[in-house]
PDB file of all heavy atoms in Angstrom:
ATOM      1  N   ASN A   1       0.786  -1.260   0.003  1.00  0.00           N
ATOM      2  CA  ASN A   1      -0.013   0.021  -0.008  1.00  0.00           C
ATOM      3  C   ASN A   1       0.824   1.259   0.014  1.00  0.00           C
ATOM      4  O   ASN A   1       0.314   2.372  -0.053  1.00  0.00           O
ATOM      5  CB  ASN A   1      -0.944   0.039   1.225  1.00  0.00           C
ATOM      6  CG  ASN A   1      -2.158  -0.863   0.972  1.00  0.00           C
ATOM      7  OD1 ASN A   1      -2.540  -1.114  -0.138  1.00  0.00           O
ATOM      8  ND2 ASN A   1      -2.773  -1.297   2.047  1.00  0.00           N
ATOM      9  N   THR A   2       2.181   1.119   0.085  1.00  0.00           N
ATOM     10  CA  THR A   2       3.025   2.289  -0.023  1.00  0.00           C
ATOM     11  C   THR A   2       3.572   2.391  -1.444  1.00  0.00           C
ATOM     12  O   THR A   2       3.745   1.346  -2.153  1.00  0.00           O
ATOM     13  CB  THR A   2       4.282   2.137   0.929  1.00  0.00           C
ATOM     14  OG1 THR A   2       5.063   1.017   0.567  1.00  0.00           O
ATOM     15  CG2 THR A   2       3.786   1.978   2.355  1.00  0.00           C
ATOM     16  N   VAL A   3       3.783   3.576  -1.911  1.00  0.00           N
ATOM     17  CA  VAL A   3       4.352   3.777  -3.281  1.00  0.00           C
ATOM     18  C   VAL A   3       5.720   3.111  -3.333  1.00  0.00           C
ATOM     19  O   VAL A   3       6.073   2.479  -4.318  1.00  0.00           O
ATOM     20  CB  VAL A   3       4.445   5.276  -3.599  1.00  0.00           C
ATOM     21  CG1 VAL A   3       5.210   5.509  -4.899  1.00  0.00           C
ATOM     22  CG2 VAL A   3       3.045   5.896  -3.682  1.00  0.00           C
ATOM     23  N   ARG A   4       6.469   3.249  -2.237  1.00  0.00           N
ATOM     24  CA  ARG A   4       7.797   2.677  -2.246  1.00  0.00           C
ATOM     25  C   ARG A   4       7.768   1.162  -2.412  1.00  0.00           C
ATOM     26  O   ARG A   4       8.522   0.579  -3.176  1.00  0.00           O
ATOM     27  CB  ARG A   4       8.478   3.031  -0.911  1.00  0.00           C
ATOM     28  CG  ARG A   4       9.953   2.473  -0.805  1.00  0.00           C
ATOM     29  CD  ARG A   4      10.484   2.762   0.587  1.00  0.00           C
ATOM     30  NE  ARG A   4      11.793   2.226   0.786  1.00  0.00           N
ATOM     31  CZ  ARG A   4      12.380   2.138   1.994  1.00  0.00           C
ATOM     32  NH1 ARG A   4      11.734   2.530   3.063  1.00  0.00           N
ATOM     33  NH2 ARG A   4      13.601   1.581   2.064  1.00  0.00           N
ATOM     34  N   GLY A   5       6.875   0.510  -1.656  1.00  0.00           N
ATOM     35  CA  GLY A   5       6.739  -0.939  -1.753  1.00  0.00           C
ATOM     36  C   GLY A   5       6.381  -1.424  -3.119  1.00  0.00           C
ATOM     37  O   GLY A   5       6.943  -2.360  -3.712  1.00  0.00           O
ATOM     38  N   THR A   6       5.360  -0.778  -3.694  1.00  0.00           N
ATOM     39  CA  THR A   6       4.919  -1.101  -5.042  1.00  0.00           C
ATOM     40  C   THR A   6       6.014  -0.877  -6.072  1.00  0.00           C
ATOM     41  O   THR A   6       6.274  -1.750  -6.924  1.00  0.00           O
ATOM     42  CB  THR A   6       3.715  -0.287  -5.463  1.00  0.00           C
ATOM     43  OG1 THR A   6       2.618  -0.548  -4.552  1.00  0.00           O
ATOM     44  CG2 THR A   6       3.206  -0.592  -6.894  1.00  0.00           C
ATOM     45  N   ASP A   7       6.730   0.228  -5.936  1.00  0.00           N
ATOM     46  CA  ASP A   7       7.786   0.505  -6.889  1.00  0.00           C
ATOM     47  C   ASP A   7       8.884  -0.527  -6.834  1.00  0.00           C
ATOM     48  O   ASP A   7       9.442  -0.915  -7.857  1.00  0.00           O
ATOM     49  CB  ASP A   7       8.365   1.938  -6.564  1.00  0.00           C
ATOM     50  CG  ASP A   7       9.591   2.267  -7.454  1.00  0.00           C
ATOM     51  OD1 ASP A   7       9.385   2.430  -8.673  1.00  0.00           O
ATOM     52  OD2 ASP A   7      10.716   2.370  -6.901  1.00  0.00           O
ATOM     53  N   LYS A   8       9.238  -0.973  -5.617  1.00  0.00           N
ATOM     54  CA  LYS A   8      10.346  -1.927  -5.528  1.00  0.00           C
ATOM     55  C   LYS A   8      10.009  -3.283  -6.069  1.00  0.00           C
ATOM     56  O   LYS A   8      10.863  -3.996  -6.632  1.00  0.00           O
ATOM     57  CB  LYS A   8      10.856  -2.025  -4.055  1.00  0.00           C
ATOM     58  CG  LYS A   8      11.349  -0.755  -3.481  1.00  0.00           C
ATOM     59  CD  LYS A   8      12.101   0.120  -4.453  1.00  0.00           C
ATOM     60  CE  LYS A   8      12.360   1.520  -3.951  1.00  0.00           C
ATOM     61  NZ  LYS A   8      12.889   2.436  -5.016  1.00  0.00           N
ATOM     62  N   VAL A   9       8.722  -3.670  -5.944  1.00  0.00           N
ATOM     63  CA  VAL A   9       8.293  -4.963  -6.596  1.00  0.00           C
ATOM     64  C   VAL A   9       8.362  -4.846  -8.090  1.00  0.00           C
ATOM     65  O   VAL A   9       8.811  -5.764  -8.790  1.00  0.00           O
ATOM     66  CB  VAL A   9       6.874  -5.318  -6.114  1.00  0.00           C
ATOM     67  CG1 VAL A   9       6.313  -6.461  -6.932  1.00  0.00           C
ATOM     68  CG2 VAL A   9       6.803  -5.628  -4.627  1.00  0.00           C
ATOM     69  N   LEU A  10       7.906  -3.661  -8.611  1.00  0.00           N
ATOM     70  CA  LEU A  10       8.007  -3.448 -10.059  1.00  0.00           C
ATOM     71  C   LEU A  10       9.433  -3.350 -10.493  1.00  0.00           C
ATOM     72  O   LEU A  10       9.747  -3.822 -11.608  1.00  0.00           O
ATOM     73  CB  LEU A  10       7.237  -2.184 -10.461  1.00  0.00           C
ATOM     74  CG  LEU A  10       5.706  -2.208 -10.216  1.00  0.00           C
ATOM     75  CD1 LEU A  10       5.112  -0.879 -10.488  1.00  0.00           C
ATOM     76  CD2 LEU A  10       5.093  -3.308 -11.040  1.00  0.00           C
ATOM     77  N   MET A  11      10.319  -2.823  -9.678  1.00  0.00           N
ATOM     78  CA  MET A  11      11.706  -2.745  -9.993  1.00  0.00           C
ATOM     79  C   MET A  11      12.306  -4.119 -10.125  1.00  0.00           C
ATOM     80  O   MET A  11      13.064  -4.424 -11.017  1.00  0.00           O
ATOM     81  CB  MET A  11      12.447  -1.969  -8.823  1.00  0.00           C
ATOM     82  CG  MET A  11      13.925  -1.864  -9.037  1.00  0.00           C
ATOM     83  SD  MET A  11      14.687  -1.054  -7.621  1.00  0.00           S
ATOM     84  CE  MET A  11      16.434  -1.154  -8.028  1.00  0.00           C
ATOM     85  N   PHE A  12      11.887  -5.014  -9.232  1.00  0.00           N
ATOM     86  CA  PHE A  12      12.326  -6.395  -9.310  1.00  0.00           C
ATOM     87  C   PHE A  12      11.954  -7.036 -10.640  1.00  0.00           C
ATOM     88  O   PHE A  12      12.793  -7.705 -11.312  1.00  0.00           O
ATOM     89  CB  PHE A  12      11.725  -7.206  -8.142  1.00  0.00           C
ATOM     90  CG  PHE A  12      12.031  -8.653  -8.106  1.00  0.00           C
ATOM     91  CD1 PHE A  12      13.133  -9.139  -7.428  1.00  0.00           C
ATOM     92  CD2 PHE A  12      11.247  -9.550  -8.760  1.00  0.00           C
ATOM     93  CE1 PHE A  12      13.430 -10.503  -7.414  1.00  0.00           C
ATOM     94  CE2 PHE A  12      11.530 -10.944  -8.755  1.00  0.00           C
ATOM     95  CZ  PHE A  12      12.644 -11.366  -8.088  1.00  0.00           C
ATOM     96  N   ILE A  13      10.735  -6.858 -11.064  1.00  0.00           N
ATOM     97  CA  ILE A  13      10.207  -7.384 -12.319  1.00  0.00           C
ATOM     98  C   ILE A  13      10.969  -6.817 -13.477  1.00  0.00           C
ATOM     99  O   ILE A  13      11.421  -7.490 -14.371  1.00  0.00           O
ATOM    100  CB  ILE A  13       8.727  -7.148 -12.453  1.00  0.00           C
ATOM    101  CG1 ILE A  13       7.909  -7.909 -11.376  1.00  0.00           C
ATOM    102  CG2 ILE A  13       8.225  -7.564 -13.826  1.00  0.00           C
ATOM    103  CD1 ILE A  13       6.469  -7.497 -11.330  1.00  0.00           C
ATOM    104  N   GLN A  14      11.156  -5.453 -13.459  1.00  0.00           N
ATOM    105  CA  GLN A  14      11.838  -4.764 -14.542  1.00  0.00           C
ATOM    106  C   GLN A  14      13.225  -5.251 -14.812  1.00  0.00           C
ATOM    107  O   GLN A  14      13.625  -5.557 -15.954  1.00  0.00           O
ATOM    108  CB  GLN A  14      11.881  -3.258 -14.262  1.00  0.00           C
ATOM    109  CG  GLN A  14      12.611  -2.440 -15.315  1.00  0.00           C
ATOM    110  CD  GLN A  14      12.797  -0.962 -14.854  1.00  0.00           C
ATOM    111  OE1 GLN A  14      12.225  -0.590 -13.863  1.00  0.00           O
ATOM    112  NE2 GLN A  14      13.579  -0.243 -15.611  1.00  0.00           N
ATOM    113  N   TYR A  15      14.040  -5.394 -13.710  1.00  0.00           N
ATOM    114  CA  TYR A  15      15.403  -5.753 -13.945  1.00  0.00           C
ATOM    115  C   TYR A  15      15.652  -7.266 -14.066  1.00  0.00           C
ATOM    116  O   TYR A  15      16.467  -7.709 -14.872  1.00  0.00           O
ATOM    117  CB  TYR A  15      16.253  -5.198 -12.822  1.00  0.00           C
ATOM    118  CG  TYR A  15      16.484  -3.673 -12.893  1.00  0.00           C
ATOM    119  CD1 TYR A  15      15.875  -2.831 -11.988  1.00  0.00           C
ATOM    120  CD2 TYR A  15      17.254  -3.171 -13.878  1.00  0.00           C
ATOM    121  CE1 TYR A  15      16.052  -1.457 -12.102  1.00  0.00           C
ATOM    122  CE2 TYR A  15      17.425  -1.820 -14.032  1.00  0.00           C
ATOM    123  CZ  TYR A  15      16.809  -0.968 -13.143  1.00  0.00           C
ATOM    124  OH  TYR A  15      16.987   0.386 -13.268  1.00  0.00           O
ATOM    125  N   TRP A  16      14.950  -8.072 -13.336  1.00  0.00           N
ATOM    126  CA  TRP A  16      15.129  -9.505 -13.458  1.00  0.00           C
ATOM    127  C   TRP A  16      14.546 -10.049 -14.772  1.00  0.00           C
ATOM    128  O   TRP A  16      15.008 -11.102 -15.235  1.00  0.00           O
ATOM    129  CB  TRP A  16      14.474 -10.233 -12.273  1.00  0.00           C
ATOM    130  CG  TRP A  16      15.337 -10.141 -11.040  1.00  0.00           C
ATOM    131  CD1 TRP A  16      15.262  -9.181 -10.091  1.00  0.00           C
ATOM    132  CD2 TRP A  16      16.396 -10.999 -10.688  1.00  0.00           C
ATOM    133  NE1 TRP A  16      16.275  -9.367  -9.121  1.00  0.00           N
ATOM    134  CE2 TRP A  16      16.993 -10.494  -9.501  1.00  0.00           C
ATOM    135  CE3 TRP A  16      16.978 -12.137 -11.266  1.00  0.00           C
ATOM    136  CZ2 TRP A  16      18.059 -11.073  -8.875  1.00  0.00           C
ATOM    137  CZ3 TRP A  16      18.056 -12.723 -10.605  1.00  0.00           C
ATOM    138  CH2 TRP A  16      18.600 -12.229  -9.446  1.00  0.00           C
ATOM    139  N   SER A  17      13.662  -9.277 -15.382  1.00  0.00           N
ATOM    140  CA  SER A  17      13.214  -9.688 -16.721  1.00  0.00           C
ATOM    141  C   SER A  17      14.362  -9.610 -17.739  1.00  0.00           C
ATOM    142  O   SER A  17      14.350 -10.361 -18.707  1.00  0.00           O
ATOM    143  CB  SER A  17      12.060  -8.757 -17.191  1.00  0.00           C
ATOM    144  OG  SER A  17      12.482  -7.431 -17.424  1.00  0.00           O
ATOM    145  N   LYS A  18      15.294  -8.740 -17.564  1.00  0.00           N
ATOM    146  CA  LYS A  18      16.462  -8.658 -18.474  1.00  0.00           C
ATOM    147  C   LYS A  18      17.304  -9.908 -18.350  1.00  0.00           C
ATOM    148  O   LYS A  18      17.823 -10.386 -19.345  1.00  0.00           O
ATOM    149  CB  LYS A  18      17.277  -7.400 -18.143  1.00  0.00           C
ATOM    150  CG  LYS A  18      16.562  -6.087 -18.412  1.00  0.00           C
ATOM    151  CD  LYS A  18      17.481  -4.927 -18.129  1.00  0.00           C
ATOM    152  CE  LYS A  18      16.744  -3.608 -18.392  1.00  0.00           C
ATOM    153  NZ  LYS A  18      16.453  -3.417 -19.882  1.00  0.00           N
ATOM    154  N   ILE A  19      17.420 -10.434 -17.145  1.00  0.00           N
ATOM    155  CA  ILE A  19      18.163 -11.683 -16.995  1.00  0.00           C
ATOM    156  C   ILE A  19      17.417 -12.816 -17.608  1.00  0.00           C
ATOM    157  O   ILE A  19      18.005 -13.691 -18.232  1.00  0.00           O
ATOM    158  CB  ILE A  19      18.424 -11.901 -15.450  1.00  0.00           C
ATOM    159  CG1 ILE A  19      19.295 -10.770 -14.892  1.00  0.00           C
ATOM    160  CG2 ILE A  19      19.106 -13.288 -15.261  1.00  0.00           C
ATOM    161  CD1 ILE A  19      19.434 -10.865 -13.365  1.00  0.00           C
ATOM    162  N   LEU A  20      16.097 -12.841 -17.420  1.00  0.00           N
ATOM    163  CA  LEU A  20      15.262 -13.882 -18.005  1.00  0.00           C
ATOM    164  C   LEU A  20      15.336 -13.851 -19.530  1.00  0.00           C
ATOM    165  O   LEU A  20      15.450 -14.908 -20.184  1.00  0.00           O
ATOM    166  CB  LEU A  20      13.773 -13.710 -17.564  1.00  0.00           C
ATOM    167  CG  LEU A  20      12.798 -14.741 -18.062  1.00  0.00           C
ATOM    168  CD1 LEU A  20      13.202 -16.153 -17.642  1.00  0.00           C
ATOM    169  CD2 LEU A  20      11.413 -14.420 -17.531  1.00  0.00           C
ATOM    170  N   VAL A  21      15.328 -12.627 -20.117  1.00  0.00           N
ATOM    171  CA  VAL A  21      15.458 -12.492 -21.533  1.00  0.00           C
ATOM    172  C   VAL A  21      16.845 -13.092 -21.984  1.00  0.00           C
ATOM    173  O   VAL A  21      16.912 -13.829 -23.021  1.00  0.00           O
ATOM    174  CB  VAL A  21      15.357 -11.017 -21.975  1.00  0.00           C
ATOM    175  CG1 VAL A  21      15.863 -10.793 -23.392  1.00  0.00           C
ATOM    176  CG2 VAL A  21      13.910 -10.561 -21.915  1.00  0.00           C
ATOM    177  N   PHE A  22      17.878 -12.781 -21.302  1.00  0.00           N
ATOM    178  CA  PHE A  22      19.176 -13.286 -21.633  1.00  0.00           C
ATOM    179  C   PHE A  22      19.175 -14.847 -21.631  1.00  0.00           C
ATOM    180  O   PHE A  22      19.732 -15.499 -22.532  1.00  0.00           O
ATOM    181  CB  PHE A  22      20.196 -12.778 -20.626  1.00  0.00           C
ATOM    182  CG  PHE A  22      21.596 -13.299 -20.784  1.00  0.00           C
ATOM    183  CD1 PHE A  22      22.459 -12.827 -21.845  1.00  0.00           C
ATOM    184  CD2 PHE A  22      22.064 -14.298 -19.929  1.00  0.00           C
ATOM    185  CE1 PHE A  22      23.695 -13.338 -21.967  1.00  0.00           C
ATOM    186  CE2 PHE A  22      23.366 -14.810 -20.095  1.00  0.00           C
ATOM    187  CZ  PHE A  22      24.187 -14.352 -21.093  1.00  0.00           C
ATOM    188  N   LEU A  23      18.549 -15.444 -20.613  1.00  0.00           N
ATOM    189  CA  LEU A  23      18.552 -16.899 -20.465  1.00  0.00           C
ATOM    190  C   LEU A  23      17.702 -17.546 -21.570  1.00  0.00           C
ATOM    191  O   LEU A  23      18.099 -18.576 -22.130  1.00  0.00           O
ATOM    192  CB  LEU A  23      18.007 -17.326 -19.101  1.00  0.00           C
ATOM    193  CG  LEU A  23      18.907 -16.896 -17.942  1.00  0.00           C
ATOM    194  CD1 LEU A  23      18.215 -17.283 -16.590  1.00  0.00           C
ATOM    195  CD2 LEU A  23      20.267 -17.594 -17.974  1.00  0.00           C
ATOM    196  N   LEU A  24      16.614 -16.896 -21.913  1.00  0.00           N
ATOM    197  CA  LEU A  24      15.741 -17.425 -22.943  1.00  0.00           C
ATOM    198  C   LEU A  24      16.390 -17.378 -24.308  1.00  0.00           C
ATOM    199  O   LEU A  24      16.238 -18.305 -25.162  1.00  0.00           O
ATOM    200  CB  LEU A  24      14.399 -16.633 -22.977  1.00  0.00           C
ATOM    201  CG  LEU A  24      13.421 -16.853 -21.809  1.00  0.00           C
ATOM    202  CD1 LEU A  24      12.245 -15.907 -21.937  1.00  0.00           C
ATOM    203  CD2 LEU A  24      12.889 -18.304 -21.829  1.00  0.00           C
ATOM    204  N   GLN A  25      17.163 -16.339 -24.524  1.00  0.00           N
ATOM    205  CA  GLN A  25      17.883 -16.180 -25.818  1.00  0.00           C
ATOM    206  C   GLN A  25      18.930 -17.255 -25.963  1.00  0.00           C
ATOM    207  O   GLN A  25      19.221 -17.741 -27.052  1.00  0.00           O
ATOM    208  CB  GLN A  25      18.504 -14.816 -25.880  1.00  0.00           C
ATOM    209  CG  GLN A  25      17.496 -13.703 -26.132  1.00  0.00           C
ATOM    210  CD  GLN A  25      18.100 -12.341 -26.085  1.00  0.00           C
ATOM    211  OE1 GLN A  25      19.149 -12.147 -25.456  1.00  0.00           O
ATOM    212  NE2 GLN A  25      17.494 -11.327 -26.756  1.00  0.00           N
TER     213      GLN A  25
END
């Protein structure tokens, strides 16, 4: 319910998706 908490979860998705893309490639 905090902007900070929501932002950090989205940050996790944003950056770890780059690693996932690398592995999928």
